[in-house]
Protein backbone atom coordinates (compact mmCIF):
# COMPACT_ATOMS: atom_id res chain seq x y z
CA MET A 1 108.01 171.45 94.88
CA ASN A 2 105.82 172.83 91.85
CA ILE A 3 102.69 171.00 92.27
CA MET A 4 99.89 172.55 90.20
CA VAL A 5 96.32 172.03 91.45
CA PRO A 6 93.25 171.50 89.04
CA LEU A 7 91.40 174.44 88.45
CA ARG A 8 88.26 172.85 86.60
CA PRO A 9 85.05 174.14 88.32
CA ALA A 10 83.34 171.49 90.66
CA PRO A 11 79.70 171.02 90.01
CA PRO A 12 77.01 172.29 91.64
CA ARG A 13 75.75 170.71 95.20
CA PRO A 14 72.29 170.93 96.72
CA ALA A 15 71.75 172.14 99.92
CA ALA A 16 74.19 170.79 102.87
CA SER A 17 70.69 169.99 104.88
CA ALA A 18 69.81 167.75 102.34
CA LEU A 19 73.34 165.97 102.26
CA PRO A 20 75.07 163.30 104.14
CA PHE A 21 77.62 164.24 106.53
CA VAL A 22 81.21 163.02 105.14
CA THR A 23 84.33 162.57 107.24
CA ILE A 24 87.53 163.01 104.70
CA VAL A 25 90.48 161.16 105.77
CA VAL A 26 94.52 161.78 105.28
CA PRO A 27 97.04 159.42 106.52
CA VAL A 28 100.35 161.27 106.67
CA LEU A 29 103.73 160.83 107.52
CA ASP A 30 106.78 163.21 106.38
CA GLU A 31 104.41 164.59 103.46
CA ALA A 32 105.69 168.65 103.62
CA GLY A 33 106.28 168.49 99.75
CA TYR A 34 102.66 167.43 98.82
CA ILE A 35 100.19 167.68 101.89
CA ALA A 36 99.54 171.49 100.79
CA PRO A 37 98.38 170.99 97.54
CA CYS A 38 96.35 167.50 98.40
CA LEU A 39 94.37 169.44 100.93
CA ALA A 40 93.83 172.29 98.57
CA SER A 41 92.25 170.06 96.01
CA LEU A 42 90.01 168.36 98.73
CA LEU A 43 88.71 171.99 100.22
CA GLY A 44 85.60 173.11 98.86
CA GLN A 45 84.24 169.81 97.24
CA TRP A 46 81.60 169.40 100.19
CA PRO A 47 79.41 172.25 102.06
CA PRO A 48 81.88 173.02 105.13
CA GLU A 49 78.56 172.59 107.69
CA ALA A 50 78.48 168.71 106.22
CA CYS A 51 82.18 168.23 106.26
CA GLU A 52 85.39 167.29 108.07
CA ILE A 53 88.92 166.75 107.25
CA LEU A 54 90.98 164.68 109.53
CA VAL A 55 94.73 164.96 109.02
CA LEU A 56 96.22 161.95 110.93
CA ASP A 57 100.08 162.59 111.10
CA GLY A 58 102.01 159.44 112.13
CA GLY A 59 104.80 161.63 113.80
CA SER A 60 106.13 163.62 110.85
CA ARG A 61 109.84 164.99 111.41
CA ASP A 62 109.53 167.69 108.85
CA ALA A 63 107.10 170.54 108.03
CA THR A 64 104.09 168.72 107.64
CA ARG A 65 102.36 169.21 111.05
CA ALA A 66 103.10 173.27 110.71
CA ILE A 67 101.73 173.05 107.29
CA VAL A 68 98.25 171.49 108.13
CA ALA A 69 98.03 173.46 111.45
CA ALA A 70 98.45 176.62 109.19
CA LEU A 71 95.76 175.55 106.89
CA ALA A 72 93.70 174.36 109.94
CA GLU A 73 93.58 177.89 111.22
CA ARG A 74 92.16 179.13 107.88
CA HIS A 75 90.04 176.38 107.42
CA PRO A 76 88.12 175.00 110.50
CA ALA A 77 87.05 171.91 108.41
CA ILE A 78 90.83 170.79 108.75
CA ARG A 79 91.54 169.15 112.01
CA LEU A 80 95.29 167.42 112.77
CA HIS A 81 95.53 164.49 115.05
CA HIS A 82 98.12 162.30 116.04
CA ASN A 83 98.43 158.58 114.86
CA PRO A 84 100.57 156.66 117.41
CA ALA A 85 100.76 153.50 115.31
CA ARG A 86 102.10 155.60 112.43
CA ILE A 87 100.58 153.23 109.60
CA GLN A 88 97.99 154.07 107.09
CA SER A 89 95.73 151.36 108.45
CA ALA A 90 95.67 152.48 111.64
CA ALA A 91 94.90 155.90 110.76
CA ILE A 92 91.81 155.16 108.74
CA ASN A 93 90.35 153.14 111.81
CA LEU A 94 91.25 156.00 114.22
CA ALA A 95 89.52 158.52 111.97
CA ALA A 96 86.74 156.21 111.55
CA ARG A 97 86.35 156.14 115.33
CA LEU A 98 87.16 159.85 115.98
CA ALA A 99 84.78 161.13 113.00
CA ASP A 100 81.90 163.38 114.01
CA PRO A 101 78.93 161.21 114.92
CA ARG A 102 76.89 162.79 112.09
CA ALA A 103 79.49 161.34 109.66
CA THR A 104 78.06 158.37 107.52
CA ILE A 105 80.84 158.70 104.90
CA LEU A 106 84.64 157.99 104.90
CA VAL A 107 86.40 159.36 101.92
CA ARG A 108 90.15 158.08 102.38
CA ALA A 109 92.71 160.75 100.57
CA ASP A 110 96.26 159.94 100.30
CA ALA A 111 98.66 162.74 100.81
CA HIS A 112 100.66 161.86 97.32
CA ALA A 113 97.76 162.61 95.55
CA LEU A 114 95.50 165.37 93.79
CA TYR A 115 91.63 165.10 93.52
CA PRO A 116 89.38 166.81 91.00
CA PRO A 117 87.04 169.24 92.18
CA ASP A 118 83.72 166.42 91.85
CA PHE A 119 86.11 163.75 93.46
CA VAL A 120 83.78 163.75 96.58
CA VAL A 121 80.44 164.45 94.99
CA ARG A 122 81.07 161.42 92.92
CA CYS A 123 82.04 159.19 95.34
CA VAL A 124 79.03 159.93 97.46
CA ALA A 125 76.65 159.34 94.61
CA ALA A 126 78.01 156.29 93.64
CA LEU A 127 77.80 155.06 97.16
CA ALA A 128 74.11 156.17 97.25
CA GLU A 129 73.14 155.48 93.67
CA ARG A 130 74.68 151.84 93.33
CA GLY A 131 73.82 150.37 96.58
CA ALA A 132 77.66 150.04 97.35
CA THR A 133 79.72 149.97 100.45
CA SER A 134 82.70 151.12 99.08
CA VAL A 135 84.08 152.82 95.92
CA VAL A 136 87.41 152.50 94.62
CA VAL A 137 88.70 154.95 91.43
CA PRO A 138 91.37 154.54 89.09
CA MET A 139 94.69 156.20 89.44
CA ARG A 140 96.79 158.42 87.00
CA THR A 141 100.58 158.33 87.92
CA ARG A 142 102.60 161.07 86.97
CA GLY A 143 105.73 162.75 88.14
CA ALA A 144 105.34 166.40 90.08
CA GLY A 145 106.65 170.00 88.46
CA SER A 146 109.47 169.91 85.83
CA GLY A 147 112.26 170.16 87.47
CA GLY A 148 115.51 168.06 86.73
CA GLY A 149 115.72 166.77 90.50
CA ARG A 150 112.54 165.25 89.55
CA GLY A 151 113.54 163.07 86.91
CA MET A 152 113.40 159.60 88.21
CA GLN A 153 109.97 160.32 89.75
CA HIS A 154 108.73 160.78 86.01
CA ALA A 155 110.27 157.76 85.00
CA ILE A 156 108.93 155.56 87.69
CA ALA A 157 105.58 157.33 87.06
CA ALA A 158 105.68 155.92 83.37
CA ALA A 159 106.88 152.87 84.58
CA GLN A 160 103.83 151.91 86.82
CA SER A 161 101.65 153.50 84.00
CA SER A 162 102.35 150.84 81.95
CA ARG A 163 101.46 147.32 81.67
CA LEU A 164 104.77 146.03 82.33
CA GLY A 165 104.61 148.24 85.48
CA ASN A 166 101.02 147.79 86.92
CA GLY A 167 100.46 144.06 85.44
CA GLY A 168 96.96 145.23 84.02
CA ALA A 169 95.66 146.18 87.33
CA ALA A 170 92.11 147.67 86.30
CA HIS A 171 92.52 151.07 88.42
CA ARG A 172 96.08 151.67 86.91
CA LEU A 173 94.50 151.40 83.45
CA GLY A 174 91.46 152.50 81.43
CA ALA A 175 89.02 151.57 84.45
CA THR A 176 85.37 151.40 83.49
CA SER A 177 82.59 151.95 85.90
CA GLY A 178 81.28 149.34 87.53
CA PHE A 179 81.41 146.60 90.59
CA VAL A 180 85.05 144.92 90.91
CA GLY A 181 86.89 143.17 93.19
CA HIS A 182 89.23 145.85 94.45
CA GLY A 183 90.86 149.19 93.38
CA HIS A 184 92.28 152.27 94.65
CA HIS A 185 90.28 153.06 98.04
CA ALA A 186 88.48 156.27 97.85
CA ALA A 187 84.95 156.04 99.87
CA PHE A 188 83.34 153.95 102.31
CA ASP A 189 80.28 153.23 103.99
CA ARG A 190 81.01 154.08 107.72
CA ALA A 191 78.87 151.86 109.59
CA PHE A 192 79.67 148.67 106.98
CA PHE A 193 83.71 149.73 107.65
CA ARG A 194 83.29 149.92 111.16
CA ALA A 195 81.18 146.58 111.26
CA LEU A 196 84.11 144.69 109.34
CA GLY A 197 86.46 146.03 112.32
CA GLY A 198 87.93 148.06 109.56
CA TYR A 199 91.74 147.69 108.39
CA ASP A 200 93.54 144.84 109.39
CA GLU A 201 96.52 147.11 111.57
CA SER A 202 98.68 144.10 111.50
CA PHE A 203 99.22 145.18 107.71
CA THR A 204 101.70 147.90 107.11
CA HIS A 205 100.79 147.75 103.21
CA ASN A 206 97.96 145.82 101.21
CA GLU A 207 95.55 146.66 103.76
CA ASP A 208 93.32 147.76 100.89
CA ALA A 209 93.35 144.44 99.42
CA GLU A 210 93.09 142.35 102.23
CA PHE A 211 89.95 144.57 103.38
CA ASP A 212 88.28 143.91 100.05
CA VAL A 213 88.52 140.54 100.49
CA ARG A 214 86.70 140.41 103.91
CA ALA A 215 84.26 143.16 102.36
CA LEU A 216 83.00 140.72 99.66
CA ALA A 217 83.05 138.04 102.01
CA ALA A 218 80.40 139.74 104.23
CA GLY A 219 78.21 140.78 101.26
CA GLY A 220 79.83 144.12 100.34
CA ARG A 221 79.93 145.72 96.97
CA ILE A 222 82.75 147.45 95.48
CA TRP A 223 81.93 150.24 92.97
CA MET A 224 84.95 151.28 90.38
CA CYS A 225 83.91 154.92 89.97
CA ALA A 226 85.98 155.72 86.61
CA ASP A 227 84.86 159.35 86.90
CA ALA A 228 86.74 160.20 89.78
CA ALA A 229 90.24 159.41 88.87
CA VAL A 230 92.95 160.62 90.82
CA VAL A 231 96.60 161.95 89.90
CA TYR A 232 98.87 159.96 92.02
CA PHE A 233 102.70 161.10 92.45
CA PRO A 234 105.17 157.91 92.81
CA ARG A 235 108.38 157.63 94.78
CA ASP A 236 111.23 160.03 93.35
CA ARG A 237 113.99 157.77 94.08
CA LEU A 238 114.95 153.93 93.36
CA THR A 239 115.62 153.19 97.19
CA GLY A 240 112.43 154.47 98.16
CA LEU A 241 110.34 152.44 95.09
CA ALA A 242 112.22 149.18 96.16
CA ARG A 243 111.38 149.52 100.04
CA GLN A 244 107.62 150.58 98.81
CA TYR A 245 107.46 147.41 96.57
CA PHE A 246 109.16 144.92 98.55
CA ARG A 247 106.62 145.78 101.46
CA HIS A 248 103.68 145.45 98.99
CA GLY A 249 104.67 142.10 98.15
CA ALA A 250 105.08 141.02 101.83
CA GLY A 251 101.61 142.50 102.31
CA ARG A 252 100.13 140.58 99.37
CA ALA A 253 101.71 137.46 100.70
CA ARG A 254 99.69 138.28 103.99
CA THR A 255 96.71 138.72 102.03
CA LEU A 256 97.20 135.06 100.30
CA CYS A 257 98.07 133.23 103.29
CA LYS A 258 95.28 134.80 105.82
CA HIS A 259 92.47 134.03 103.06
CA HIS A 260 93.93 130.88 102.11
CA LEU A 261 93.98 132.02 98.20
CA MET A 262 96.21 131.51 95.34
CA PRO A 263 98.46 134.09 93.74
CA ARG A 264 96.91 135.48 90.12
CA PRO A 265 99.48 134.68 87.01
CA ARG A 266 100.70 138.48 86.89
CA GLN A 267 101.64 138.00 90.25
CA ILE A 268 103.74 135.07 89.70
CA ILE A 269 105.37 136.68 87.07
CA PRO A 270 107.79 138.81 89.22
CA VAL A 271 108.58 136.07 91.10
CA ALA A 272 109.96 133.67 87.89
CA LEU A 273 112.16 136.97 86.81
CA LEU A 274 113.57 137.03 90.02
CA ALA A 275 114.14 133.21 89.98
CA GLY A 276 115.81 133.70 86.42
CA CYS A 277 117.87 136.30 87.44
CA LEU A 278 119.28 134.59 90.82
CA ALA A 279 119.45 131.56 88.54
CA GLY A 280 121.72 133.31 86.22
CA LEU A 281 124.38 134.99 88.86
CA ALA A 282 124.19 130.92 90.50
CA THR A 283 125.63 129.80 87.21
CA ALA A 284 127.92 132.39 86.19
CA PRO A 285 131.21 130.99 87.22
CA PHE A 286 130.47 127.65 85.60
CA ALA A 287 128.12 128.15 82.53
CA PRO A 288 128.36 131.73 81.48
CA GLU A 289 126.65 130.73 78.29
CA LEU A 290 123.73 129.66 80.06
CA ALA A 291 124.06 132.55 82.77
CA ALA A 292 123.99 135.26 80.06
CA THR A 293 120.25 134.33 79.03
CA ALA A 294 119.33 135.73 82.44
CA LEU A 295 120.72 138.94 81.08
CA ALA A 296 117.62 139.22 78.40
CA TYR A 297 114.97 140.36 81.36
CA PRO A 298 116.92 143.40 82.41
CA ALA A 299 118.28 144.03 79.08
CA ALA A 300 114.55 144.14 77.97
CA CYS A 301 113.71 146.31 80.77
CA LEU A 302 116.28 148.88 79.74
CA ALA A 303 115.39 149.18 76.30
CA TRP A 304 111.97 149.51 76.86
CA GLY A 305 113.22 152.66 78.86
CA ALA A 306 115.61 154.17 76.27
CA GLY A 307 112.65 153.43 73.53
CA LEU A 308 110.24 155.24 75.52
CA ALA A 309 112.31 158.16 76.18
CA LEU A 310 113.07 158.53 72.20
CA ARG A 311 109.47 158.22 71.68
CA ARG A 312 108.34 160.79 74.08
CA ARG A 313 111.71 163.03 73.59
CA ASP A 314 111.78 163.10 77.17
CA GLY A 315 115.30 162.12 78.70
CA ARG A 316 114.09 161.85 82.06
CA LEU A 317 112.53 158.65 81.18
CA LEU A 318 115.65 156.86 80.29
CA GLY A 319 115.23 155.53 84.09
CA GLY A 320 111.81 153.72 83.32
CA GLY A 321 113.60 150.58 83.08
CA ALA A 322 115.21 150.64 85.98
CA ALA A 323 112.29 151.62 87.74
CA LEU A 324 110.58 148.38 85.85
CA LEU A 325 113.53 146.21 87.18
CA THR A 326 113.19 147.67 90.63
CA MET A 327 109.51 147.08 91.29
CA HIS A 328 109.38 143.71 89.49
CA LEU A 329 112.21 142.26 91.88
CA ALA A 330 111.37 144.11 94.87
CA TRP A 331 107.85 143.23 94.81
CA ALA A 332 108.88 139.54 94.08
CA SER A 333 111.35 139.32 97.05
CA GLY A 334 109.14 141.02 99.58
CA LEU A 335 106.06 138.19 98.36
CA LEU A 336 108.55 135.40 99.18
CA THR A 337 109.56 136.53 102.21
CA GLY A 338 106.29 137.03 103.27
CA PHE A 339 105.36 133.61 102.69
CA VAL A 340 108.38 132.49 104.46
CA LYS A 341 107.35 134.45 107.56
CA ASN A 342 103.78 133.44 107.69
CA ARG A 343 104.80 130.02 107.24
CA ALA A 344 107.17 130.25 110.20
CA ALA A 345 104.55 131.89 112.31
CA ARG A 346 102.24 129.36 111.26
């Protein structure tokens, strides 16, 4: 895969002795196509005497471990560990325990992303200057490379970057710096993170939002650092996207149930769309005219994708409408399934 690493010069840093020790955590599972550029974008962001990069592998079956091991031979700051629980929440918690005793700051870095050269500097500065307990950042979603084989990834990226696809989430759109209730996790005060017990490892997805609920309840402060946006590479197939969003929806349901919260309007809309589609299918045999109205939503999504491809003169974006449908309906299905499972468990 051809992923270009940004080449902007990093800002100057003070001497390592004047800096806090930073542990960068990268959870991975079958990330051979992304891990090398990800680590390349993180190396050199902080003096090596005051930094370590812990890669927590959940049992990759591709070349991920070999790639990381080769990089670790050239860069002693990189250390590869096994994550027996496999999931991200457990990986971050494990790293918080394994980190160098001097480490006061944890930086979370996902393998499906690239990081600007001042990412760590800005996150650490925000923690210190804003009195924050954690820092979140915006995400700029895009496809990797220019080959036709990644066409669907470009379409998915366009859908996720649109208001129709992200529901207006601040960290997905034009975020501004300030204290927020949630965002894409980037950095933590290690002591605060551990005092709260870290992530809830029963969550495979949405562990970040669930942690933020507990953090705010405990007096934590979450700072959105709009100047440290990361580039995120989404799934490149609709099947993978559907699984991801189903799990996101189920995770959101668990968070809402655990903390007795009500879903927001933008979280209810996909459920209403799913209900409309199912109602259309159910009424099709005996009320085809009524059922036809259910086609308005999928038709609008497909038309949006076609219009986007025409406006940008990029045929790869034709699949954007299918990506919207997949995200909405899979997320809503996961949310409803999550509510049912949580109610049954109680």
